[in-house]
Protein backbone atom coordinates (compact mmCIF):
# COMPACT_ATOMS: atom_id res chain seq x y z
CA MET A 1 -13.25 -16.42 0.15
CA LEU A 2 -9.66 -16.24 1.56
CA LYS A 3 -8.88 -12.54 2.43
CA VAL A 4 -5.04 -11.72 2.14
CA GLY A 5 -3.27 -8.44 3.04
CA LEU A 6 -0.35 -7.36 1.10
CA THR A 7 2.07 -4.79 2.27
CA GLY A 8 5.70 -3.47 2.01
CA SER A 9 7.75 -0.15 2.24
CA ILE A 10 7.76 2.46 -0.44
CA GLY A 11 9.62 1.63 -3.54
CA VAL A 12 9.93 -2.18 -3.05
CA GLY A 13 7.81 -3.47 -6.03
CA LYS A 14 4.21 -3.98 -4.44
CA SER A 15 2.60 -2.77 -7.81
CA PHE A 16 4.40 -5.53 -9.84
CA VAL A 17 3.59 -8.26 -7.40
CA CYS A 18 -0.03 -7.21 -7.39
CA GLU A 19 -0.07 -7.29 -11.09
CA VAL A 20 1.37 -10.92 -11.11
CA PHE A 21 -1.39 -11.99 -8.64
CA ARG A 22 -4.14 -10.37 -11.00
CA GLU A 23 -2.70 -12.54 -13.78
CA LEU A 24 -2.88 -15.67 -11.69
CA GLY A 25 -6.66 -15.10 -11.18
CA CYS A 26 -6.68 -13.25 -7.62
CA HIS A 27 -8.90 -10.31 -7.02
CA VAL A 28 -6.59 -7.42 -6.04
CA LEU A 29 -7.28 -3.89 -4.58
CA ASP A 30 -4.73 -1.49 -5.12
CA ALA A 31 -4.01 0.60 -1.93
CA ASP A 32 -2.72 3.73 -3.92
CA LYS A 33 -5.80 3.82 -6.02
CA THR A 34 -7.97 3.52 -2.96
CA ALA A 35 -6.01 6.20 -1.06
CA ARG A 36 -6.41 8.59 -4.08
CA ASP A 37 -10.16 7.93 -4.43
CA VAL A 38 -10.97 8.68 -0.84
CA VAL A 39 -9.48 12.35 -1.22
CA LYS A 40 -10.51 13.21 -4.64
CA ARG A 41 -12.10 16.60 -5.15
CA GLY A 42 -15.61 16.73 -3.68
CA THR A 43 -15.06 13.93 -1.11
CA LEU A 44 -15.33 14.02 2.48
CA GLY A 45 -11.93 12.82 2.71
CA LEU A 46 -10.56 16.06 1.02
CA ALA A 47 -12.77 18.33 3.06
CA LYS A 48 -11.36 17.04 6.25
CA ILE A 49 -7.73 17.42 5.05
CA VAL A 50 -8.47 21.10 3.90
CA SER A 51 -10.01 21.77 7.25
CA GLU A 52 -6.68 20.61 9.06
CA PHE A 53 -4.00 21.59 6.60
CA GLY A 54 -5.69 24.58 4.81
CA ASP A 55 -6.40 25.49 1.17
CA GLU A 56 -2.60 25.70 0.23
CA ILE A 57 -2.56 21.81 -0.16
CA LEU A 58 -4.87 22.19 -3.09
CA THR A 59 -3.96 22.48 -6.78
CA PRO A 60 -5.59 25.42 -8.87
CA ASP A 61 -8.21 23.08 -10.08
CA GLY A 62 -9.20 21.97 -6.41
CA GLU A 63 -7.44 18.45 -6.16
CA LEU A 64 -4.99 17.53 -3.54
CA ASP A 65 -1.59 18.85 -4.26
CA ARG A 66 0.24 15.40 -3.76
CA PRO A 67 3.79 16.57 -3.93
CA LYS A 68 2.96 19.51 -1.52
CA MET A 69 1.36 17.18 0.89
CA ALA A 70 4.25 14.75 0.69
CA SER A 71 6.87 17.42 1.49
CA ILE A 72 4.84 18.56 4.62
CA VAL A 73 3.99 14.92 6.07
CA PHE A 74 7.55 13.42 5.37
CA ALA A 75 9.06 16.28 7.11
CA ASP A 76 6.80 16.36 10.12
CA GLU A 77 5.85 13.21 12.26
CA LYS A 78 2.85 14.90 13.71
CA MET A 79 1.69 15.99 10.39
CA ARG A 80 2.00 12.62 8.95
CA LEU A 81 0.22 10.99 11.72
CA LEU A 82 -2.66 13.70 11.46
CA LEU A 83 -3.06 12.80 7.64
CA ASN A 84 -3.21 9.00 8.30
CA SER A 85 -5.84 9.53 10.94
CA ILE A 86 -8.11 11.15 8.38
CA VAL A 87 -7.26 8.77 5.39
CA HIS A 88 -6.95 5.33 7.17
CA PRO A 89 -10.64 5.14 8.30
CA LEU A 90 -11.92 6.12 4.83
CA VAL A 91 -9.63 3.56 3.15
CA PHE A 92 -10.71 0.79 5.68
CA GLU A 93 -14.37 1.47 4.71
CA THR A 94 -13.69 1.23 1.09
CA GLN A 95 -11.58 -1.91 1.30
CA ASN A 96 -14.29 -3.53 3.49
CA GLU A 97 -17.01 -2.51 0.77
CA TRP A 98 -14.80 -3.96 -1.97
CA LEU A 99 -14.27 -7.37 0.06
CA ALA A 100 -17.96 -7.68 0.58
CA ALA A 101 -18.49 -7.27 -3.10
CA ARG A 102 -15.76 -9.75 -4.29
CA GLU A 103 -17.05 -12.36 -1.63
CA ALA A 104 -20.54 -11.96 -3.00
CA GLU A 105 -19.45 -12.60 -6.60
CA ASP A 106 -16.86 -15.16 -6.10
CA PRO A 107 -17.10 -16.89 -2.63
CA ASP A 108 -14.28 -19.38 -3.46
CA GLY A 109 -11.87 -16.83 -4.76
CA ILE A 110 -8.74 -15.20 -3.26
CA ALA A 111 -8.96 -11.40 -2.63
CA ILE A 112 -5.62 -9.52 -1.83
CA VAL A 113 -5.69 -6.02 -0.43
CA ASP A 114 -2.49 -4.03 -1.09
CA ALA A 115 -1.78 -1.34 1.67
CA ALA A 116 1.51 0.38 2.46
CA LEU A 117 0.71 1.03 6.08
CA MET A 118 -1.19 -2.11 6.80
CA ILE A 119 0.81 -3.13 9.72
CA GLU A 120 1.22 0.40 11.25
CA SER A 121 -2.52 0.89 11.01
CA GLY A 122 -3.38 -2.44 12.50
CA GLY A 123 -5.34 -3.14 9.40
CA TYR A 124 -3.44 -6.60 8.66
CA ARG A 125 -5.58 -8.00 11.59
CA ARG A 126 -8.68 -8.21 9.39
CA PHE A 127 -6.85 -10.72 6.92
CA GLU A 128 -6.28 -14.31 7.24
CA LYS A 129 -2.81 -14.18 5.78
CA LEU A 130 -0.14 -11.40 5.29
CA ILE A 131 2.21 -11.20 2.37
CA VAL A 132 5.24 -8.76 2.96
CA VAL A 133 7.08 -7.50 -0.26
CA TRP A 134 10.56 -6.39 0.49
CA CYS A 135 13.74 -5.75 -1.17
CA GLU A 136 17.41 -4.84 -0.11
CA PRO A 137 17.42 -1.31 1.20
CA GLU A 138 19.93 0.04 -1.23
CA ILE A 139 17.89 -1.22 -4.09
CA GLN A 140 14.63 0.38 -2.55
CA PHE A 141 16.70 3.56 -2.16
CA GLN A 142 17.89 3.63 -6.00
CA ARG A 143 14.36 2.55 -7.21
CA LEU A 144 12.66 5.39 -5.27
CA ILE A 145 15.15 8.02 -6.80
CA GLN A 146 14.70 6.67 -10.29
CA ARG A 147 10.86 6.18 -9.91
CA ASP A 148 9.94 9.50 -8.29
CA GLY A 149 12.92 11.68 -9.32
CA LEU A 150 13.68 12.48 -5.54
CA ARG A 151 16.98 13.89 -4.29
CA GLU A 152 18.90 11.41 -2.17
CA ALA A 153 17.93 13.44 1.05
CA ASP A 154 14.38 13.20 0.20
CA ALA A 155 14.55 9.46 -0.67
CA ARG A 156 16.11 8.77 2.70
CA LYS A 157 13.75 10.73 4.51
CA ARG A 158 10.63 8.96 3.02
CA THR A 159 12.26 5.31 3.73
CA GLN A 160 13.25 6.24 7.23
CA ALA A 161 9.71 7.72 7.92
CA GLN A 162 8.28 4.16 7.47
CA MET A 163 8.54 0.97 9.75
CA PRO A 164 11.84 -0.64 9.23
CA GLN A 165 11.52 -3.45 6.58
CA GLU A 166 13.11 -6.03 8.99
CA GLU A 167 10.31 -5.34 11.50
CA LYS A 168 7.62 -5.77 8.72
CA LYS A 169 8.96 -8.97 7.75
CA ARG A 170 8.25 -10.31 11.30
CA PHE A 171 4.45 -10.08 10.69
CA ALA A 172 4.71 -11.90 7.50
CA ASP A 173 2.93 -15.33 6.70
CA PHE A 174 4.58 -15.05 3.17
CA LEU A 175 7.59 -13.10 2.04
CA ILE A 176 8.42 -12.01 -1.47
CA ASP A 177 11.85 -10.45 -2.06
CA THR A 178 12.03 -8.47 -5.11
CA SER A 179 15.75 -7.58 -4.99
CA ALA A 180 16.58 -9.74 -8.03
CA GLY A 181 14.26 -8.38 -10.55
CA PHE A 182 11.07 -9.38 -12.48
CA ASP A 183 11.51 -13.09 -13.23
CA PRO A 184 12.63 -14.18 -9.78
CA THR A 185 9.85 -12.17 -8.18
CA ARG A 186 7.33 -13.68 -10.51
CA ALA A 187 8.50 -17.10 -9.56
CA GLN A 188 8.12 -16.24 -5.91
CA CYS A 189 4.44 -14.99 -6.52
CA ARG A 190 3.58 -18.34 -8.17
CA GLN A 191 4.85 -20.21 -5.24
CA VAL A 192 2.83 -17.97 -2.77
CA HIS A 193 -0.30 -18.32 -5.02
CA SER A 194 0.04 -22.21 -4.94
CA LYS A 195 0.11 -21.93 -1.19
CA LEU A 196 -2.78 -19.70 -1.13
CA LEU A 197 -4.89 -22.01 -3.19
CA GLU A 198 -4.01 -24.84 -0.85
CA LEU A 199 -5.30 -22.91 2.19
CA ASN A 200 -8.47 -22.05 0.15
CA ARG A 201 -9.40 -25.45 -0.70
């Protein structure tokens, strides 16, 4: 099985790219879903977060209050690193279990794991190839405001808290630029998929 990492900054269109790869027959693991699953109510992940950040980051029904957590970690680098140190090992473990299951059922397939912080965490080294999804910074900024309903200052804070896109692109085996919208992005996904199929022969 060909194991491929997929990453990119917040608001660049990773979800759409992942959907296209699914349509093309790849197995795709969504990073956001994995990160949510490992901190659901009753998990070890959530218990660890509460022990570090306190009960105030919980909703009344005992789930992680994501907007509150985001407001804390995007305002304080130390808090963000602390959260990542709790969540990343749990995400890695889940990804590895998923990869092993996909390989057992489809040894000749292509498995793509999507994770926003794959480069920063060093997780990209576990994959044979790395796809970096990117778009022009101003487009990323506008998408983030529209998608999450953020104020401009908060959107800037979130984009600046991540590794610059230009730096991420240096790690890529394949680049997908989503700046021009859905159809051109879909065409690039098809091109990359063709190359992955060749590598996997």
